[in-house]
């Protein structure tokens, strides 16, 4: 898990939502390069980093206000009107019932097939998009569907994990962070990078998430670290 890479990402990629969402990627898939995330994309995984064109899955969260699922799906259909687009019906997940669509798109290297599972939660659309070369679709589609169905939403990061130490460690770090902020006029990014905070608070927290909470899965771990960083920097 490349903690430095994710810390350097623009905060605009990680605008806040009133919940904590995560999913379980297909077995053996690895965390994609955080630097390639765009728009509201939160996290991505690839089947292999050795292939130039590898199956992938990305979770994106979009604020849609008061729009309902039917209205949002119509907007999605208009967005992809020049592509081969099909609505495939409902898909259940731990986060609720969503809609699944299939989109085929031509590229210089061939045709890709994308499955998107779209679930609405608290005025936000959570979009899980799995993409494969069309000729490999049957090899991966069941794994993608299983990943879609694993989508989980909790009210907060700490509520998403049964380990009570997480809440304790987050609370302790936030208290220390507030003290750092009050004792300095430096911007949050400078304070965060300081040796004092890194050695005493941030690095121990990251080590705890990486080593003690492996059972939560790599997606959860990545998002837990990123969410905590965002909270610190934004002062939420």
C-alpha atoms as a PDB file:
ATOM      1  CA  UNK A   1       0.000   0.000   0.000  1.00  0.00           C
ATOM      2  CA  UNK A   2       1.638   3.226  -1.159  1.00  0.00           C
ATOM      3  CA  UNK A   3       0.792   5.627   1.632  1.00  0.00           C
ATOM      4  CA  UNK A   4       3.006   8.449   0.330  1.00  0.00           C
ATOM      5  CA  UNK A   5       1.344   8.361  -3.085  1.00  0.00           C
ATOM      6  CA  UNK A   6      -2.158   8.616  -1.702  1.00  0.00           C
ATOM      7  CA  UNK A   7      -1.203  11.410   0.684  1.00  0.00           C
ATOM      8  CA  UNK A   8       0.008  13.545  -2.215  1.00  0.00           C
ATOM      9  CA  UNK A   9      -3.291  13.321  -4.087  1.00  0.00           C
ATOM     10  CA  UNK A  10      -5.316  16.526  -4.476  1.00  0.00           C
ATOM     11  CA  UNK A  11      -7.994  16.762  -1.811  1.00  0.00           C
ATOM     12  CA  UNK A  12     -10.522  17.606  -4.510  1.00  0.00           C
ATOM     13  CA  UNK A  13     -10.523  13.908  -5.361  1.00  0.00           C
ATOM     14  CA  UNK A  14     -11.778  13.091  -1.891  1.00  0.00           C
ATOM     15  CA  UNK A  15     -14.678  15.388  -1.138  1.00  0.00           C
ATOM     16  CA  UNK A  16     -16.584  14.310   1.941  1.00  0.00           C
ATOM     17  CA  UNK A  17     -19.717  12.215   2.121  1.00  0.00           C
ATOM     18  CA  UNK A  18     -21.968  11.679   5.158  1.00  0.00           C
ATOM     19  CA  UNK A  19     -20.984   7.996   5.240  1.00  0.00           C
ATOM     20  CA  UNK A  20     -18.050   5.632   4.780  1.00  0.00           C
ATOM     21  CA  UNK A  21     -18.292   3.274   1.793  1.00  0.00           C
ATOM     22  CA  UNK A  22     -16.051   0.400   0.755  1.00  0.00           C
ATOM     23  CA  UNK A  23     -16.154  -2.910  -1.119  1.00  0.00           C
ATOM     24  CA  UNK A  24     -14.191  -6.141  -1.512  1.00  0.00           C
ATOM     25  CA  UNK A  25     -12.285  -6.369  -4.816  1.00  0.00           C
ATOM     26  CA  UNK A  26     -11.907  -9.708  -6.620  1.00  0.00           C
ATOM     27  CA  UNK A  27      -9.340 -12.040  -4.993  1.00  0.00           C
ATOM     28  CA  UNK A  28      -5.790 -11.374  -6.099  1.00  0.00           C
ATOM     29  CA  UNK A  29      -6.508  -7.941  -7.556  1.00  0.00           C
ATOM     30  CA  UNK A  30      -4.108  -5.216  -6.471  1.00  0.00           C
ATOM     31  CA  UNK A  31      -4.493  -1.565  -5.592  1.00  0.00           C
ATOM     32  CA  UNK A  32      -4.212   0.639  -8.646  1.00  0.00           C
ATOM     33  CA  UNK A  33      -2.081   3.755  -8.869  1.00  0.00           C
ATOM     34  CA  UNK A  34      -3.825   6.428  -6.741  1.00  0.00           C
ATOM     35  CA  UNK A  35      -2.385   9.111  -9.016  1.00  0.00           C
ATOM     36  CA  UNK A  36      -4.629   7.923 -11.857  1.00  0.00           C
ATOM     37  CA  UNK A  37      -7.852   8.582  -9.936  1.00  0.00           C
ATOM     38  CA  UNK A  38      -9.992  11.303 -11.481  1.00  0.00           C
ATOM     39  CA  UNK A  39     -13.108  13.227 -10.540  1.00  0.00           C
ATOM     40  CA  UNK A  40     -14.966  11.580  -7.681  1.00  0.00           C
ATOM     41  CA  UNK A  41     -13.034   8.308  -7.944  1.00  0.00           C
ATOM     42  CA  UNK A  42     -12.076   7.024  -4.499  1.00  0.00           C
ATOM     43  CA  UNK A  43     -10.149   3.825  -5.076  1.00  0.00           C
ATOM     44  CA  UNK A  44      -9.344   1.401  -7.871  1.00  0.00           C
ATOM     45  CA  UNK A  45      -7.991  -2.122  -8.299  1.00  0.00           C
ATOM     46  CA  UNK A  46      -6.519  -3.967 -11.268  1.00  0.00           C
ATOM     47  CA  UNK A  47      -6.276  -7.666 -12.033  1.00  0.00           C
ATOM     48  CA  UNK A  48      -2.625  -7.316 -13.032  1.00  0.00           C
ATOM     49  CA  UNK A  49      -0.047  -4.553 -13.226  1.00  0.00           C
ATOM     50  CA  UNK A  50       1.943  -6.526 -15.781  1.00  0.00           C
ATOM     51  CA  UNK A  51      -0.582  -6.016 -18.566  1.00  0.00           C
ATOM     52  CA  UNK A  52      -0.945  -2.774 -20.511  1.00  0.00           C
ATOM     53  CA  UNK A  53      -4.722  -3.381 -20.667  1.00  0.00           C
ATOM     54  CA  UNK A  54      -5.873  -5.086 -17.480  1.00  0.00           C
ATOM     55  CA  UNK A  55      -9.377  -5.622 -16.051  1.00  0.00           C
ATOM     56  CA  UNK A  56     -10.074  -3.035 -13.369  1.00  0.00           C
ATOM     57  CA  UNK A  57     -12.678  -1.899 -10.874  1.00  0.00           C
ATOM     58  CA  UNK A  58     -13.101   1.647  -9.556  1.00  0.00           C
ATOM     59  CA  UNK A  59     -15.420   3.136  -6.939  1.00  0.00           C
ATOM     60  CA  UNK A  60     -16.661   6.665  -7.603  1.00  0.00           C
ATOM     61  CA  UNK A  61     -18.992   8.732  -5.423  1.00  0.00           C
ATOM     62  CA  UNK A  62     -20.986  11.612  -6.891  1.00  0.00           C
ATOM     63  CA  UNK A  63     -23.152  14.131  -5.059  1.00  0.00           C
ATOM     64  CA  UNK A  64     -26.514  14.134  -6.856  1.00  0.00           C
ATOM     65  CA  UNK A  65     -28.584  16.146  -4.400  1.00  0.00           C
ATOM     66  CA  UNK A  66     -32.276  15.266  -4.404  1.00  0.00           C
ATOM     67  CA  UNK A  67     -32.301  13.295  -7.675  1.00  0.00           C
ATOM     68  CA  UNK A  68     -33.880   9.845  -7.473  1.00  0.00           C
ATOM     69  CA  UNK A  69     -32.464   6.702  -9.058  1.00  0.00           C
ATOM     70  CA  UNK A  70     -34.723   6.842 -12.117  1.00  0.00           C
ATOM     71  CA  UNK A  71     -33.722  10.436 -12.890  1.00  0.00           C
ATOM     72  CA  UNK A  72     -30.052   9.668 -12.385  1.00  0.00           C
ATOM     73  CA  UNK A  73     -30.198   6.599 -14.635  1.00  0.00           C
ATOM     74  CA  UNK A  74     -31.725   8.691 -17.425  1.00  0.00           C
ATOM     75  CA  UNK A  75     -28.819  11.128 -17.108  1.00  0.00           C
ATOM     76  CA  UNK A  76     -26.349   8.235 -17.286  1.00  0.00           C
ATOM     77  CA  UNK A  77     -28.048   6.901 -20.417  1.00  0.00           C
ATOM     78  CA  UNK A  78     -27.772  10.318 -22.097  1.00  0.00           C
ATOM     79  CA  UNK A  79     -24.101  10.505 -21.165  1.00  0.00           C
ATOM     80  CA  UNK A  80     -23.388   7.222 -22.956  1.00  0.00           C
ATOM     81  CA  UNK A  81     -25.810   7.611 -25.874  1.00  0.00           C
ATOM     82  CA  UNK A  82     -23.025   7.248 -28.457  1.00  0.00           C
ATOM     83  CA  UNK A  83     -21.909   3.930 -26.983  1.00  0.00           C
ATOM     84  CA  UNK A  84     -23.533   0.491 -26.845  1.00  0.00           C
ATOM     85  CA  UNK A  85     -25.556   0.881 -23.646  1.00  0.00           C
ATOM     86  CA  UNK A  86     -27.849  -1.589 -21.860  1.00  0.00           C
ATOM     87  CA  UNK A  87     -29.650  -1.530 -18.529  1.00  0.00           C
ATOM     88  CA  UNK A  88     -29.480  -4.991 -16.969  1.00  0.00           C
ATOM     89  CA  UNK A  89     -31.825  -4.547 -14.012  1.00  0.00           C
ATOM     90  CA  UNK A  90     -31.430  -4.460 -10.244  1.00  0.00           C
ATOM     91  CA  UNK A  91     -28.455  -5.618  -8.196  1.00  0.00           C
ATOM     92  CA  UNK A  92     -28.533  -6.109  -4.411  1.00  0.00           C
ATOM     93  CA  UNK A  93     -25.609  -5.225  -2.173  1.00  0.00           C
ATOM     94  CA  UNK A  94     -24.969  -4.709   1.520  1.00  0.00           C
ATOM     95  CA  UNK A  95     -25.650  -1.015   0.851  1.00  0.00           C
ATOM     96  CA  UNK A  96     -29.068  -1.568  -0.740  1.00  0.00           C
ATOM     97  CA  UNK A  97     -30.603  -2.221  -4.148  1.00  0.00           C
ATOM     98  CA  UNK A  98     -28.941  -0.561  -7.110  1.00  0.00           C
ATOM     99  CA  UNK A  99     -29.079  -0.678 -10.890  1.00  0.00           C
ATOM    100  CA  UNK A 100     -26.574  -2.336 -13.165  1.00  0.00           C
ATOM    101  CA  UNK A 101     -25.697  -1.246 -16.692  1.00  0.00           C
ATOM    102  CA  UNK A 102     -23.411  -2.516 -19.445  1.00  0.00           C
ATOM    103  CA  UNK A 103     -21.448  -0.252 -21.777  1.00  0.00           C
ATOM    104  CA  UNK A 104     -19.325  -1.321 -24.750  1.00  0.00           C
ATOM    105  CA  UNK A 105     -16.842   1.180 -26.143  1.00  0.00           C
ATOM    106  CA  UNK A 106     -14.432   1.030 -29.067  1.00  0.00           C
ATOM    107  CA  UNK A 107     -10.757   1.924 -28.611  1.00  0.00           C
ATOM    108  CA  UNK A 108      -7.661   1.792 -30.795  1.00  0.00           C
ATOM    109  CA  UNK A 109      -6.701  -1.492 -29.166  1.00  0.00           C
ATOM    110  CA  UNK A 110     -10.167  -3.088 -29.385  1.00  0.00           C
ATOM    111  CA  UNK A 111     -13.505  -3.041 -27.528  1.00  0.00           C
ATOM    112  CA  UNK A 112     -13.940  -2.695 -23.773  1.00  0.00           C
ATOM    113  CA  UNK A 113     -16.966  -3.841 -21.816  1.00  0.00           C
ATOM    114  CA  UNK A 114     -17.903  -2.017 -18.651  1.00  0.00           C
ATOM    115  CA  UNK A 115     -20.342  -3.056 -15.957  1.00  0.00           C
ATOM    116  CA  UNK A 116     -21.532  -0.313 -13.627  1.00  0.00           C
ATOM    117  CA  UNK A 117     -23.472  -0.885 -10.422  1.00  0.00           C
ATOM    118  CA  UNK A 118     -25.123   2.337  -9.259  1.00  0.00           C
ATOM    119  CA  UNK A 119     -26.517   2.664  -5.740  1.00  0.00           C
ATOM    120  CA  UNK A 120     -27.978   5.819  -4.202  1.00  0.00           C
ATOM    121  CA  UNK A 121     -27.137   6.631  -0.570  1.00  0.00           C
ATOM    122  CA  UNK A 122     -27.889   9.907   1.239  1.00  0.00           C
ATOM    123  CA  UNK A 123     -27.999  12.097  -1.853  1.00  0.00           C
ATOM    124  CA  UNK A 124     -24.954  10.455  -3.416  1.00  0.00           C
ATOM    125  CA  UNK A 125     -24.504   7.943  -6.219  1.00  0.00           C
ATOM    126  CA  UNK A 126     -21.985   5.221  -5.424  1.00  0.00           C
ATOM    127  CA  UNK A 127     -20.730   3.825  -8.727  1.00  0.00           C
ATOM    128  CA  UNK A 128     -18.719   0.631  -8.955  1.00  0.00           C
ATOM    129  CA  UNK A 129     -17.368   0.296 -12.487  1.00  0.00           C
ATOM    130  CA  UNK A 130     -15.644  -2.855 -13.679  1.00  0.00           C
ATOM    131  CA  UNK A 131     -13.949  -2.795 -17.093  1.00  0.00           C
ATOM    132  CA  UNK A 132     -12.438  -5.633 -19.130  1.00  0.00           C
ATOM    133  CA  UNK A 133     -11.496  -6.203 -22.758  1.00  0.00           C
ATOM    134  CA  UNK A 134     -14.729  -7.492 -24.298  1.00  0.00           C
ATOM    135  CA  UNK A 135     -13.210 -10.859 -25.207  1.00  0.00           C
ATOM    136  CA  UNK A 136     -12.267 -11.402 -21.535  1.00  0.00           C
ATOM    137  CA  UNK A 137     -15.621 -10.361 -20.103  1.00  0.00           C
ATOM    138  CA  UNK A 138     -16.955 -13.871 -19.432  1.00  0.00           C
ATOM    139  CA  UNK A 139     -13.789 -14.667 -17.501  1.00  0.00           C
ATOM    140  CA  UNK A 140     -14.311 -11.814 -15.060  1.00  0.00           C
ATOM    141  CA  UNK A 141     -18.000 -10.919 -14.939  1.00  0.00           C
ATOM    142  CA  UNK A 142     -18.902 -13.153 -11.976  1.00  0.00           C
ATOM    143  CA  UNK A 143     -15.994 -11.759  -9.958  1.00  0.00           C
ATOM    144  CA  UNK A 144     -17.127  -8.222 -10.775  1.00  0.00           C
ATOM    145  CA  UNK A 145     -20.710  -8.950  -9.753  1.00  0.00           C
ATOM    146  CA  UNK A 146     -19.524 -10.394  -6.444  1.00  0.00           C
ATOM    147  CA  UNK A 147     -17.433  -7.278  -5.831  1.00  0.00           C
ATOM    148  CA  UNK A 148     -20.447  -5.080  -6.624  1.00  0.00           C
ATOM    149  CA  UNK A 149     -22.569  -7.012  -4.119  1.00  0.00           C
ATOM    150  CA  UNK A 150     -19.963  -6.511  -1.395  1.00  0.00           C
ATOM    151  CA  UNK A 151     -20.516  -2.727  -1.361  1.00  0.00           C
ATOM    152  CA  UNK A 152     -20.935  -1.691   2.268  1.00  0.00           C
ATOM    153  CA  UNK A 153     -21.902   1.660   3.756  1.00  0.00           C
ATOM    154  CA  UNK A 154     -21.452   2.683   7.399  1.00  0.00           C
ATOM    155  CA  UNK A 155     -22.301   6.005   9.074  1.00  0.00           C
ATOM    156  CA  UNK A 156     -18.632   6.653   9.890  1.00  0.00           C
ATOM    157  CA  UNK A 157     -15.214   5.079   9.475  1.00  0.00           C
ATOM    158  CA  UNK A 158     -15.175   3.837  13.061  1.00  0.00           C
ATOM    159  CA  UNK A 159     -18.653   2.350  12.709  1.00  0.00           C
ATOM    160  CA  UNK A 160     -17.383   0.247   9.799  1.00  0.00           C
ATOM    161  CA  UNK A 161     -14.915  -1.679  11.985  1.00  0.00           C
ATOM    162  CA  UNK A 162     -15.563  -3.859  15.032  1.00  0.00           C
ATOM    163  CA  UNK A 163     -12.129  -3.222  16.518  1.00  0.00           C
ATOM    164  CA  UNK A 164     -12.768  -0.760  19.355  1.00  0.00           C
ATOM    165  CA  UNK A 165      -9.140   0.367  19.233  1.00  0.00           C
ATOM    166  CA  UNK A 166      -9.793   2.150  15.944  1.00  0.00           C
ATOM    167  CA  UNK A 167     -12.138   4.642  17.555  1.00  0.00           C
ATOM    168  CA  UNK A 168      -9.730   5.127  20.452  1.00  0.00           C
ATOM    169  CA  UNK A 169      -6.752   5.722  18.176  1.00  0.00           C
ATOM    170  CA  UNK A 170      -8.632   8.111  15.896  1.00  0.00           C
ATOM    171  CA  UNK A 171      -9.934  10.086  18.877  1.00  0.00           C
ATOM    172  CA  UNK A 172      -6.483  10.282  20.452  1.00  0.00           C
ATOM    173  CA  UNK A 173      -4.911  11.448  17.210  1.00  0.00           C
ATOM    174  CA  UNK A 174      -7.594  14.094  16.659  1.00  0.00           C
ATOM    175  CA  UNK A 175      -7.039  15.486  20.151  1.00  0.00           C
ATOM    176  CA  UNK A 176      -3.295  15.735  19.520  1.00  0.00           C
ATOM    177  CA  UNK A 177      -3.932  17.247  16.107  1.00  0.00           C
ATOM    178  CA  UNK A 178      -6.103  20.006  17.562  1.00  0.00           C
ATOM    179  CA  UNK A 179      -3.342  20.824  20.038  1.00  0.00           C
ATOM    180  CA  UNK A 180      -0.826  21.047  17.179  1.00  0.00           C
ATOM    181  CA  UNK A 181      -3.170  23.334  15.246  1.00  0.00           C
ATOM    182  CA  UNK A 182      -3.684  25.647  18.227  1.00  0.00           C
ATOM    183  CA  UNK A 183       0.037  25.892  18.929  1.00  0.00           C
ATOM    184  CA  UNK A 184       1.066  26.892  15.400  1.00  0.00           C
ATOM    185  CA  UNK A 185       0.078  29.270  12.624  1.00  0.00           C
ATOM    186  CA  UNK A 186       1.486  26.950   9.954  1.00  0.00           C
ATOM    187  CA  UNK A 187      -0.964  25.546   7.383  1.00  0.00           C
ATOM    188  CA  UNK A 188      -2.382  22.063   8.070  1.00  0.00           C
ATOM    189  CA  UNK A 189      -0.317  20.452   5.306  1.00  0.00           C
ATOM    190  CA  UNK A 190       2.906  21.724   6.906  1.00  0.00           C
ATOM    191  CA  UNK A 191       1.900  20.538  10.369  1.00  0.00           C
ATOM    192  CA  UNK A 192       0.891  17.166   9.004  1.00  0.00           C
ATOM    193  CA  UNK A 193       4.312  16.714   7.381  1.00  0.00           C
ATOM    194  CA  UNK A 194       6.190  17.708  10.526  1.00  0.00           C
ATOM    195  CA  UNK A 195       8.451  15.077  12.051  1.00  0.00           C
ATOM    196  CA  UNK A 196       6.730  15.457  15.420  1.00  0.00           C
ATOM    197  CA  UNK A 197       3.265  14.590  14.116  1.00  0.00           C
ATOM    198  CA  UNK A 198       4.472  11.950  11.674  1.00  0.00           C
ATOM    199  CA  UNK A 199       6.533  10.016  14.213  1.00  0.00           C
ATOM    200  CA  UNK A 200       4.225  10.351  17.208  1.00  0.00           C
ATOM    201  CA  UNK A 201       0.800  10.081  15.580  1.00  0.00           C
ATOM    202  CA  UNK A 202       0.468   9.437  11.866  1.00  0.00           C
ATOM    203  CA  UNK A 203       2.989   6.670  11.255  1.00  0.00           C
ATOM    204  CA  UNK A 204       1.824   4.607  14.276  1.00  0.00           C
ATOM    205  CA  UNK A 205      -1.773   4.994  13.075  1.00  0.00           C
ATOM    206  CA  UNK A 206      -0.926   3.886   9.528  1.00  0.00           C
ATOM    207  CA  UNK A 207       1.039   0.908  10.878  1.00  0.00           C
ATOM    208  CA  UNK A 208      -1.942  -0.056  13.033  1.00  0.00           C
ATOM    209  CA  UNK A 209      -4.343   0.050  10.080  1.00  0.00           C
ATOM    210  CA  UNK A 210      -1.963  -1.840   7.778  1.00  0.00           C
ATOM    211  CA  UNK A 211      -0.875  -4.534  10.232  1.00  0.00           C
ATOM    212  CA  UNK A 212      -3.666  -4.951  12.792  1.00  0.00           C
ATOM    213  CA  UNK A 213      -6.681  -4.472  10.528  1.00  0.00           C
ATOM    214  CA  UNK A 214      -5.717  -6.669   7.579  1.00  0.00           C
ATOM    215  CA  UNK A 215      -8.977  -8.571   7.987  1.00  0.00           C
ATOM    216  CA  UNK A 216     -10.842  -5.442   6.875  1.00  0.00           C
ATOM    217  CA  UNK A 217      -9.340  -5.805   3.401  1.00  0.00           C
ATOM    218  CA  UNK A 218      -7.074  -3.618   1.292  1.00  0.00           C
ATOM    219  CA  UNK A 219      -9.906  -1.424  -0.009  1.00  0.00           C
ATOM    220  CA  UNK A 220     -11.073  -0.582   3.499  1.00  0.00           C
ATOM    221  CA  UNK A 221      -7.491   0.027   4.646  1.00  0.00           C
ATOM    222  CA  UNK A 222      -6.751   2.438   1.806  1.00  0.00           C
ATOM    223  CA  UNK A 223      -9.969   4.378   2.335  1.00  0.00           C
ATOM    224  CA  UNK A 224      -9.594   4.410   6.132  1.00  0.00           C
ATOM    225  CA  UNK A 225      -6.166   6.017   5.884  1.00  0.00           C
ATOM    226  CA  UNK A 226      -7.270   8.446   3.189  1.00  0.00           C
ATOM    227  CA  UNK A 227     -10.455   9.410   5.038  1.00  0.00           C
ATOM    228  CA  UNK A 228      -8.534  10.110   8.233  1.00  0.00           C
ATOM    229  CA  UNK A 229      -5.988  12.226   6.357  1.00  0.00           C
ATOM    230  CA  UNK A 230      -8.769  14.210   4.717  1.00  0.00           C
ATOM    231  CA  UNK A 231     -10.408  14.849   8.079  1.00  0.00           C
ATOM    232  CA  UNK A 232      -7.143  16.126   9.527  1.00  0.00           C
ATOM    233  CA  UNK A 233      -6.326  18.451   6.647  1.00  0.00           C
ATOM    234  CA  UNK A 234      -9.850  19.783   6.191  1.00  0.00           C
ATOM    235  CA  UNK A 235     -10.402  20.243   9.911  1.00  0.00           C
ATOM    236  CA  UNK A 236     -13.635  18.262   9.852  1.00  0.00           C
END
